[in-house]
Each structure stands twice: as C-alpha cells, then as structure tokens.
Amino acid sequence: MAAVKRATTTTAKAPVKAASSASAPTSVSKTSVVARLDVGFGNELFIRGEGPGLSWDKGVLMECESSDMWTWTSSAVTRPFAYKVLINDEQWPSGDDFVAEAGVENTISPVF
C-alpha cells in the first residue's frame, strides 16, 4: 500500500489581545453641606446625622472656609440624609433637621 502524503497548510492566527482590567473612568459625585454662619472667633461647627461617617451621638468637625462658611464633603453619599450642625458639638440649632440631597452642594443658614 502506498503511503498517503497529507498536505499541510498553515494559517496565520491573529494575536489574541489580553482582556483589559481597566475600565472607563467613572466620575464620583461629591455631596457637600455648606453652613453659612459666623460662629464667633474660637468656636467651631460640627455636623451630626444619618449620612456616611456621621452619627447623632458625636459630631464631625466641619472645615472652616471663611469667617462665615463651614463645609463638610463626602463621596460616599448615595441617598438623601437628615443632619444638623452644632456649635462646638454642643449647641443645637432651632428647628427641624436639614435634609441633604446626594451629589450636590446643600447650603444652609442655621439659626441658634
């Protein structure tokens, strides 16, 4: 029996690209609370509430931007939350709780 010769053909394979683990950049929306209030020299403003990193038991010091502007900012807020600001983490403002909307600047002028 005669040997059968097979023809061999080679096909070029396209290079396989590795899957990229990097995804498109996502924007992180920040939520901020801005209190427009002059608390007097030597005093500080704190925020308490239901938002990420906040509690009703102990306040978080807000950042003093100017003599009458205090801010608190978070990238972890995903839903509206109730809060209040306190002078020296002791003196509560009058009135109802404020409600911060997620992803925006929430400006208040509390009354003490």
N, C-alpha and C. Protein backbone atom coordinates (compact mmCIF):
# COMPACT_ATOMS: atom_id res chain seq x y z
N MET A 1 0.82 -1.14 0.00
CA MET A 1 0.00 0.00 0.00
C MET A 1 0.89 1.24 0.00
N ALA A 2 0.53 2.16 -0.79
CA ALA A 2 1.34 3.36 -0.94
C ALA A 2 1.03 4.34 0.18
N ALA A 3 2.03 5.01 0.64
CA ALA A 3 1.84 6.00 1.71
C ALA A 3 1.13 7.21 1.15
N VAL A 4 0.19 7.68 1.91
CA VAL A 4 -0.55 8.87 1.50
C VAL A 4 0.10 10.08 2.15
N LYS A 5 0.41 10.99 1.32
CA LYS A 5 1.05 12.21 1.81
C LYS A 5 -0.02 13.27 2.02
N ARG A 6 -0.07 13.77 3.22
CA ARG A 6 -1.05 14.82 3.50
C ARG A 6 -0.41 16.18 3.28
N ALA A 7 -1.18 17.00 2.71
CA ALA A 7 -0.71 18.37 2.51
C ALA A 7 -0.93 19.13 3.81
N THR A 8 0.04 19.82 4.23
CA THR A 8 -0.12 20.62 5.43
C THR A 8 -0.25 22.08 5.05
N THR A 9 -1.17 22.70 5.66
CA THR A 9 -1.35 24.12 5.41
C THR A 9 -1.22 24.84 6.74
N THR A 10 -0.67 25.96 6.69
CA THR A 10 -0.56 26.76 7.90
C THR A 10 -1.39 28.02 7.73
N THR A 11 -2.12 28.32 8.74
CA THR A 11 -2.90 29.56 8.71
C THR A 11 -2.39 30.45 9.82
N ALA A 12 -2.21 31.67 9.48
CA ALA A 12 -1.74 32.62 10.48
C ALA A 12 -2.87 32.96 11.42
N LYS A 13 -2.59 32.86 12.69
CA LYS A 13 -3.60 33.21 13.70
C LYS A 13 -3.41 34.66 14.12
N ALA A 14 -4.53 35.33 14.27
CA ALA A 14 -4.46 36.71 14.74
C ALA A 14 -4.04 36.70 16.20
N PRO A 15 -3.21 37.66 16.59
CA PRO A 15 -2.81 37.71 18.00
C PRO A 15 -4.02 37.96 18.89
N VAL A 16 -4.03 37.28 20.01
CA VAL A 16 -5.13 37.43 20.96
C VAL A 16 -4.78 38.54 21.93
N LYS A 17 -5.70 39.49 22.05
CA LYS A 17 -5.48 40.60 22.98
C LYS A 17 -5.93 40.19 24.36
N ALA A 18 -5.13 40.51 25.32
CA ALA A 18 -5.50 40.23 26.71
C ALA A 18 -6.61 41.18 27.12
N ALA A 19 -7.53 40.66 27.87
CA ALA A 19 -8.62 41.49 28.35
C ALA A 19 -8.07 42.53 29.31
N SER A 20 -8.50 43.73 29.13
CA SER A 20 -8.03 44.82 29.98
C SER A 20 -8.87 44.86 31.25
N SER A 21 -8.19 44.96 32.38
CA SER A 21 -8.92 45.04 33.65
C SER A 21 -9.28 46.48 33.97
N ALA A 22 -8.70 47.41 33.22
CA ALA A 22 -9.00 48.81 33.47
C ALA A 22 -10.30 49.16 32.76
N SER A 23 -11.21 49.74 33.50
CA SER A 23 -12.47 50.14 32.90
C SER A 23 -12.44 51.64 32.66
N ALA A 24 -13.44 52.10 31.98
CA ALA A 24 -13.53 53.53 31.71
C ALA A 24 -13.63 54.27 33.03
N PRO A 25 -13.01 55.43 33.12
CA PRO A 25 -13.06 56.17 34.38
C PRO A 25 -14.51 56.54 34.73
N THR A 26 -14.82 56.43 36.01
CA THR A 26 -16.15 56.82 36.46
C THR A 26 -16.03 58.08 37.30
N SER A 27 -17.01 58.93 37.18
CA SER A 27 -16.95 60.15 37.97
C SER A 27 -17.62 59.90 39.31
N VAL A 28 -17.00 60.38 40.34
CA VAL A 28 -17.53 60.24 41.69
C VAL A 28 -18.16 61.57 42.04
N SER A 29 -19.47 61.55 42.29
CA SER A 29 -20.12 62.79 42.65
C SER A 29 -19.94 63.04 44.14
N LYS A 30 -19.68 64.27 44.46
CA LYS A 30 -19.49 64.64 45.85
C LYS A 30 -20.74 65.33 46.37
N THR A 31 -21.00 65.07 47.62
CA THR A 31 -22.10 65.73 48.31
C THR A 31 -21.48 66.63 49.35
N SER A 32 -21.93 67.85 49.42
CA SER A 32 -21.38 68.75 50.43
C SER A 32 -22.50 69.47 51.18
N VAL A 33 -22.19 69.76 52.43
CA VAL A 33 -23.05 70.60 53.25
C VAL A 33 -22.26 71.86 53.53
N VAL A 34 -22.84 72.99 53.19
CA VAL A 34 -22.21 74.28 53.41
C VAL A 34 -23.09 75.06 54.38
N ALA A 35 -22.52 75.40 55.52
CA ALA A 35 -23.25 76.19 56.51
C ALA A 35 -22.75 77.62 56.45
N ARG A 36 -23.65 78.54 56.18
CA ARG A 36 -23.33 79.96 56.13
C ARG A 36 -23.69 80.56 57.49
N LEU A 37 -22.64 80.70 58.33
CA LEU A 37 -22.88 81.13 59.71
C LEU A 37 -21.57 81.57 60.34
N ASP A 38 -21.59 82.71 60.99
CA ASP A 38 -20.43 83.17 61.76
C ASP A 38 -20.63 82.69 63.19
N VAL A 39 -19.83 81.70 63.61
CA VAL A 39 -19.98 81.13 64.95
C VAL A 39 -19.15 81.86 66.00
N GLY A 40 -18.42 82.86 65.58
CA GLY A 40 -17.61 83.63 66.51
C GLY A 40 -16.20 83.07 66.64
N PHE A 41 -15.25 83.95 66.87
CA PHE A 41 -13.84 83.56 66.97
C PHE A 41 -13.65 82.54 68.08
N GLY A 42 -12.92 81.47 67.77
CA GLY A 42 -12.61 80.43 68.74
C GLY A 42 -13.63 79.31 68.81
N ASN A 43 -14.74 79.45 68.09
CA ASN A 43 -15.76 78.40 68.06
C ASN A 43 -15.63 77.59 66.77
N GLU A 44 -16.19 76.39 66.79
CA GLU A 44 -16.14 75.51 65.62
C GLU A 44 -17.53 74.95 65.34
N LEU A 45 -17.73 74.50 64.11
CA LEU A 45 -19.01 73.94 63.72
C LEU A 45 -18.85 72.46 63.41
N PHE A 46 -19.75 71.66 63.94
CA PHE A 46 -19.74 70.20 63.76
C PHE A 46 -21.03 69.78 63.07
N ILE A 47 -20.97 68.64 62.39
CA ILE A 47 -22.16 68.08 61.75
C ILE A 47 -22.46 66.72 62.36
N ARG A 48 -23.75 66.47 62.60
CA ARG A 48 -24.23 65.17 63.09
C ARG A 48 -25.39 64.75 62.20
N GLY A 49 -25.60 63.43 62.08
CA GLY A 49 -26.75 62.99 61.29
C GLY A 49 -26.66 61.55 60.87
N GLU A 50 -27.40 61.24 59.79
CA GLU A 50 -27.54 59.88 59.29
C GLU A 50 -26.67 59.58 58.08
N GLY A 51 -25.88 60.52 57.63
CA GLY A 51 -25.07 60.32 56.43
C GLY A 51 -23.85 59.45 56.69
N PRO A 52 -23.16 59.06 55.63
CA PRO A 52 -21.95 58.22 55.78
C PRO A 52 -20.90 58.90 56.66
N GLY A 53 -20.45 58.18 57.67
CA GLY A 53 -19.45 58.71 58.59
C GLY A 53 -20.00 59.62 59.66
N LEU A 54 -21.32 59.79 59.69
CA LEU A 54 -21.95 60.66 60.68
C LEU A 54 -22.77 59.85 61.67
N SER A 55 -23.00 60.44 62.82
CA SER A 55 -23.90 59.84 63.81
C SER A 55 -24.59 60.97 64.55
N TRP A 56 -25.64 60.63 65.27
CA TRP A 56 -26.33 61.62 66.09
C TRP A 56 -25.67 61.78 67.46
N ASP A 57 -24.73 60.90 67.81
CA ASP A 57 -24.11 60.92 69.13
C ASP A 57 -22.87 61.79 69.24
N LYS A 58 -22.12 61.90 68.17
CA LYS A 58 -20.87 62.67 68.18
C LYS A 58 -20.68 63.33 66.83
N GLY A 59 -20.35 64.60 66.83
CA GLY A 59 -20.22 65.35 65.59
C GLY A 59 -18.87 65.20 64.92
N VAL A 60 -18.86 65.56 63.64
CA VAL A 60 -17.64 65.59 62.83
C VAL A 60 -17.34 67.05 62.56
N LEU A 61 -16.11 67.47 62.84
CA LEU A 61 -15.71 68.85 62.64
C LEU A 61 -15.82 69.23 61.17
N MET A 62 -16.48 70.33 60.89
CA MET A 62 -16.59 70.84 59.53
C MET A 62 -15.36 71.70 59.23
N GLU A 63 -15.07 71.88 57.96
CA GLU A 63 -13.90 72.67 57.56
C GLU A 63 -14.28 74.14 57.48
N CYS A 64 -13.48 74.99 58.14
CA CYS A 64 -13.73 76.42 58.13
C CYS A 64 -13.14 77.02 56.85
N GLU A 65 -14.02 77.48 55.97
CA GLU A 65 -13.59 78.08 54.70
C GLU A 65 -13.36 79.58 54.83
N SER A 66 -14.17 80.23 55.66
CA SER A 66 -14.04 81.66 55.93
C SER A 66 -14.76 81.94 57.25
N SER A 67 -14.83 83.20 57.64
CA SER A 67 -15.42 83.52 58.94
C SER A 67 -16.90 83.15 59.02
N ASP A 68 -17.55 82.99 57.89
CA ASP A 68 -18.97 82.64 57.92
C ASP A 68 -19.33 81.50 56.95
N MET A 69 -18.36 80.60 56.70
CA MET A 69 -18.64 79.48 55.80
C MET A 69 -17.91 78.23 56.27
N TRP A 70 -18.69 77.18 56.57
CA TRP A 70 -18.17 75.89 57.04
C TRP A 70 -18.66 74.81 56.09
N THR A 71 -17.78 73.83 55.76
CA THR A 71 -18.18 72.79 54.81
C THR A 71 -17.86 71.39 55.33
N TRP A 72 -18.65 70.44 54.87
CA TRP A 72 -18.42 69.00 55.06
C TRP A 72 -18.70 68.37 53.70
N THR A 73 -17.78 67.51 53.23
CA THR A 73 -17.91 66.89 51.91
C THR A 73 -17.69 65.39 52.01
N SER A 74 -18.47 64.64 51.21
CA SER A 74 -18.34 63.18 51.18
C SER A 74 -18.60 62.67 49.77
N SER A 75 -17.84 61.65 49.37
CA SER A 75 -18.07 60.95 48.10
C SER A 75 -18.88 59.68 48.31
N ALA A 76 -19.25 59.39 49.55
CA ALA A 76 -19.93 58.14 49.88
C ALA A 76 -21.45 58.27 49.98
N VAL A 77 -21.98 59.46 49.79
CA VAL A 77 -23.42 59.67 49.91
C VAL A 77 -24.13 59.15 48.67
N THR A 78 -25.14 58.30 48.86
CA THR A 78 -25.89 57.74 47.74
C THR A 78 -27.38 58.05 47.81
N ARG A 79 -27.81 58.62 48.91
CA ARG A 79 -29.23 58.94 49.07
C ARG A 79 -29.36 60.13 50.02
N PRO A 80 -30.51 60.79 50.03
CA PRO A 80 -30.71 61.91 50.96
C PRO A 80 -30.57 61.46 52.42
N PHE A 81 -30.11 62.37 53.27
CA PHE A 81 -29.97 62.04 54.70
C PHE A 81 -30.26 63.27 55.55
N ALA A 82 -30.72 63.02 56.77
CA ALA A 82 -31.02 64.08 57.74
C ALA A 82 -29.77 64.43 58.53
N TYR A 83 -29.66 65.71 58.90
CA TYR A 83 -28.48 66.16 59.66
C TYR A 83 -28.79 67.47 60.36
N LYS A 84 -27.91 67.82 61.28
CA LYS A 84 -27.90 69.13 61.93
C LYS A 84 -26.46 69.54 62.14
N VAL A 85 -26.24 70.84 62.30
CA VAL A 85 -24.91 71.34 62.63
C VAL A 85 -24.98 71.93 64.04
N LEU A 86 -23.89 71.77 64.79
CA LEU A 86 -23.84 72.22 66.17
C LEU A 86 -22.61 73.09 66.39
N ILE A 87 -22.77 74.13 67.18
CA ILE A 87 -21.63 74.95 67.57
C ILE A 87 -20.88 74.21 68.66
N ASN A 88 -19.59 74.00 68.45
CA ASN A 88 -18.70 73.31 69.39
C ASN A 88 -19.20 71.91 69.76
N ASP A 89 -19.99 71.31 68.88
CA ASP A 89 -20.57 69.98 69.07
C ASP A 89 -21.41 69.90 70.33
N GLU A 90 -21.95 71.06 70.76
CA GLU A 90 -22.76 71.11 71.98
C GLU A 90 -24.08 71.84 71.77
N GLN A 91 -24.05 72.95 71.05
CA GLN A 91 -25.23 73.80 70.93
C GLN A 91 -26.00 73.46 69.65
N TRP A 92 -27.23 72.93 69.84
CA TRP A 92 -28.08 72.52 68.72
C TRP A 92 -28.81 73.73 68.15
N PRO A 93 -29.04 73.73 66.84
CA PRO A 93 -29.81 74.83 66.24
C PRO A 93 -31.30 74.63 66.50
N SER A 94 -32.07 75.67 66.33
CA SER A 94 -33.52 75.53 66.46
C SER A 94 -34.09 74.99 65.15
N GLY A 95 -35.29 74.44 65.24
CA GLY A 95 -35.96 73.97 64.03
C GLY A 95 -35.74 72.50 63.75
N ASP A 96 -36.33 72.06 62.63
CA ASP A 96 -36.28 70.67 62.20
C ASP A 96 -34.90 70.31 61.64
N ASP A 97 -34.70 69.01 61.47
CA ASP A 97 -33.47 68.53 60.82
C ASP A 97 -33.40 69.06 59.39
N PHE A 98 -32.19 69.25 58.90
CA PHE A 98 -31.99 69.56 57.50
C PHE A 98 -31.90 68.24 56.74
N VAL A 99 -32.18 68.25 55.45
CA VAL A 99 -32.05 67.06 54.62
C VAL A 99 -31.12 67.40 53.46
N ALA A 100 -30.03 66.64 53.36
CA ALA A 100 -29.06 66.84 52.27
C ALA A 100 -29.40 65.92 51.12
N GLU A 101 -29.36 66.46 49.91
CA GLU A 101 -29.55 65.67 48.70
C GLU A 101 -28.18 65.15 48.25
N ALA A 102 -28.14 63.95 47.73
CA ALA A 102 -26.88 63.33 47.29
C ALA A 102 -26.37 63.99 46.01
N GLY A 103 -25.05 64.17 45.93
CA GLY A 103 -24.40 64.62 44.71
C GLY A 103 -24.46 66.11 44.43
N VAL A 104 -24.90 66.90 45.40
CA VAL A 104 -24.99 68.34 45.19
C VAL A 104 -24.46 69.09 46.41
N GLU A 105 -24.34 70.39 46.27
CA GLU A 105 -23.98 71.26 47.39
C GLU A 105 -25.25 71.69 48.09
N ASN A 106 -25.34 71.40 49.37
CA ASN A 106 -26.52 71.74 50.18
C ASN A 106 -26.14 72.89 51.09
N THR A 107 -26.66 74.08 50.82
CA THR A 107 -26.30 75.27 51.59
C THR A 107 -27.42 75.60 52.57
N ILE A 108 -27.02 75.82 53.83
CA ILE A 108 -27.97 76.14 54.87
C ILE A 108 -27.51 77.37 55.64
N SER A 109 -28.45 78.01 56.33
CA SER A 109 -28.15 79.11 57.25
C SER A 109 -28.89 78.82 58.54
N PRO A 110 -28.31 77.99 59.41
CA PRO A 110 -29.00 77.58 60.64
C PRO A 110 -29.16 78.77 61.61
N VAL A 111 -30.20 78.65 62.43
CA VAL A 111 -30.47 79.67 63.45
C VAL A 111 -30.28 79.03 64.82
N PHE A 112 -29.52 79.72 65.67
CA PHE A 112 -29.24 79.21 67.02
C PHE A 112 -29.90 80.08 68.05
